[in-house]
């Protein structure tokens, strides 16, 4: 039950339309609350990644799907990773949200390659890489 609750982003992933976008919205307050010092971001990033893989793996086993649509914790991880190099301000949160969603939807090289990883890592890693690419994009735009 807890793993499903986490994987679906507090059940936001069950939203009928654009669950990935709705799920990414959960990342906004998380980033705002936790990303104020670079070392805090580095501390929480691997913990969040592990939690996402653990819960996504459960949903894969539950649904027998390779990447269940209702799993949105991966979007939260990707959005969180987007702020490894910039501070969250209203401007960076909004621009980061838009640019992350574009990267996540279109999956330019090398993001798509990470979907091939097995199990929960395949669900989460592509979004984590999209977030890292977004982090550099935001750094370039705001520094």
Protein backbone atom coordinates (compact mmCIF):
# COMPACT_ATOMS: atom_id res chain seq x y z
CA UNK A 1 0.00 0.00 0.00
CA UNK A 2 2.73 2.51 0.92
CA UNK A 3 4.77 1.64 -2.13
CA UNK A 4 1.77 2.28 -4.38
CA UNK A 5 1.02 5.54 -2.56
CA UNK A 6 4.63 6.69 -3.13
CA UNK A 7 4.90 5.43 -6.72
CA UNK A 8 1.71 7.18 -7.76
CA UNK A 9 2.77 10.45 -6.14
CA UNK A 10 0.13 10.41 -3.38
CA UNK A 11 -2.25 8.92 -5.99
CA UNK A 12 -1.85 11.92 -8.32
CA UNK A 13 -0.72 9.45 -10.98
CA UNK A 14 -4.27 8.15 -11.12
CA UNK A 15 -5.39 11.48 -12.57
CA UNK A 16 -7.05 10.72 -15.89
CA UNK A 17 -5.40 13.42 -18.03
CA UNK A 18 -1.64 14.04 -18.25
CA UNK A 19 -0.70 12.12 -15.09
CA UNK A 20 3.01 12.82 -15.65
CA UNK A 21 2.43 16.56 -15.70
CA UNK A 22 0.14 16.38 -12.68
CA UNK A 23 2.69 14.21 -10.90
CA UNK A 24 5.48 16.65 -11.66
CA UNK A 25 3.47 19.29 -9.80
CA UNK A 26 4.16 17.29 -6.63
CA UNK A 27 7.83 18.05 -7.19
CA UNK A 28 7.28 21.81 -6.94
CA UNK A 29 6.65 21.99 -3.16
CA UNK A 30 9.24 19.26 -2.58
CA UNK A 31 11.89 21.29 -4.39
CA UNK A 32 10.81 24.49 -2.68
CA UNK A 33 11.06 22.88 0.77
CA UNK A 34 14.24 20.84 0.33
CA UNK A 35 16.44 22.58 -2.25
CA UNK A 36 18.08 25.56 -0.60
CA UNK A 37 21.62 24.32 -0.09
CA UNK A 38 23.50 22.30 -2.69
CA UNK A 39 24.60 19.76 -0.09
CA UNK A 40 20.98 19.14 0.98
CA UNK A 41 20.06 18.50 -2.63
CA UNK A 42 22.93 16.03 -2.99
CA UNK A 43 21.87 14.34 0.25
CA UNK A 44 18.20 13.93 -0.74
CA UNK A 45 18.73 13.10 -4.45
CA UNK A 46 20.03 9.52 -4.02
CA UNK A 47 17.49 8.81 -1.28
CA UNK A 48 14.65 10.02 -3.50
CA UNK A 49 16.01 8.01 -6.45
CA UNK A 50 16.16 4.83 -4.34
CA UNK A 51 12.63 5.39 -3.00
CA UNK A 52 11.36 5.90 -6.55
CA UNK A 53 13.01 2.74 -7.91
CA UNK A 54 11.75 0.71 -4.94
CA UNK A 55 8.16 1.89 -5.34
CA UNK A 56 8.19 1.75 -9.17
CA UNK A 57 9.43 -1.84 -9.04
CA UNK A 58 6.46 -2.73 -6.85
CA UNK A 59 4.05 -1.20 -9.38
CA UNK A 60 5.74 -3.06 -12.26
CA UNK A 61 5.18 -6.32 -10.39
CA UNK A 62 1.61 -5.35 -9.47
CA UNK A 63 0.52 -4.32 -12.98
CA UNK A 64 2.82 -6.49 -15.14
CA UNK A 65 3.56 -3.37 -17.21
CA UNK A 66 7.09 -2.23 -18.07
CA UNK A 67 6.37 1.43 -17.22
CA UNK A 68 2.95 1.85 -15.59
CA UNK A 69 1.39 5.21 -16.50
CA UNK A 70 0.20 5.85 -12.95
CA UNK A 71 3.78 5.80 -11.64
CA UNK A 72 4.74 9.47 -11.37
CA UNK A 73 7.41 9.39 -8.66
CA UNK A 74 9.91 9.29 -11.53
CA UNK A 75 8.71 12.74 -12.66
CA UNK A 76 9.14 14.01 -9.11
CA UNK A 77 12.72 12.69 -9.09
CA UNK A 78 13.50 14.26 -12.46
CA UNK A 79 12.10 17.62 -11.43
CA UNK A 80 14.03 17.44 -8.15
CA UNK A 81 17.28 16.70 -10.04
CA UNK A 82 16.58 19.76 -12.18
CA UNK A 83 17.53 21.93 -9.20
CA UNK A 84 20.97 20.53 -8.45
CA UNK A 85 22.63 23.67 -9.86
CA UNK A 86 20.12 26.49 -9.31
CA UNK A 87 18.13 27.83 -6.36
CA UNK A 88 14.35 27.51 -6.49
CA UNK A 89 12.74 30.86 -7.20
CA UNK A 90 9.35 31.48 -8.75
CA UNK A 91 11.03 31.98 -12.13
CA UNK A 92 13.28 28.89 -11.97
CA UNK A 93 10.43 26.71 -10.64
CA UNK A 94 8.16 27.68 -13.54
CA UNK A 95 10.81 27.54 -16.28
CA UNK A 96 12.24 24.33 -14.80
CA UNK A 97 8.78 22.75 -14.80
CA UNK A 98 8.20 23.60 -18.46
CA UNK A 99 11.65 22.58 -19.67
CA UNK A 100 11.59 19.35 -17.66
CA UNK A 101 8.22 18.35 -19.10
CA UNK A 102 9.50 19.04 -22.64
CA UNK A 103 12.60 16.89 -22.03
CA UNK A 104 10.53 14.15 -20.40
CA UNK A 105 7.93 14.02 -23.16
CA UNK A 106 10.28 14.16 -26.16
CA UNK A 107 13.19 12.25 -24.55
CA UNK A 108 16.08 13.52 -26.70
CA UNK A 109 19.34 11.59 -26.78
CA UNK A 110 20.59 10.17 -24.41
CA UNK A 111 17.46 10.21 -22.21
CA UNK A 112 15.61 7.51 -24.15
CA UNK A 113 18.52 5.07 -23.72
CA UNK A 114 17.92 4.89 -19.98
CA UNK A 115 14.41 3.48 -20.43
CA UNK A 116 16.11 0.21 -21.42
CA UNK A 117 17.40 -0.39 -17.91
CA UNK A 118 15.62 -3.24 -16.13
CA UNK A 119 12.72 -2.85 -13.72
CA UNK A 120 12.29 0.22 -11.57
CA UNK A 121 15.59 1.68 -12.78
CA UNK A 122 14.21 1.81 -16.33
CA UNK A 123 11.19 3.74 -15.08
CA UNK A 124 13.16 6.25 -13.01
CA UNK A 125 16.55 6.64 -14.71
CA UNK A 126 15.30 8.34 -17.89
CA UNK A 127 13.57 11.01 -15.80
CA UNK A 128 16.63 11.41 -13.58
CA UNK A 129 18.78 11.98 -16.69
CA UNK A 130 16.18 14.43 -18.07
CA UNK A 131 16.39 16.23 -14.73
CA UNK A 132 20.18 16.36 -14.87
CA UNK A 133 20.07 17.74 -18.41
CA UNK A 134 17.48 20.25 -17.24
CA UNK A 135 19.76 21.23 -14.35
CA UNK A 136 22.45 22.27 -16.84
CA UNK A 137 19.89 24.07 -18.99
CA UNK A 138 18.59 26.02 -15.98
CA UNK A 139 22.13 26.81 -14.90
CA UNK A 140 22.88 28.15 -18.38
CA UNK A 141 19.66 30.22 -18.41
CA UNK A 142 19.93 31.70 -14.92
CA UNK A 143 23.65 32.09 -14.17
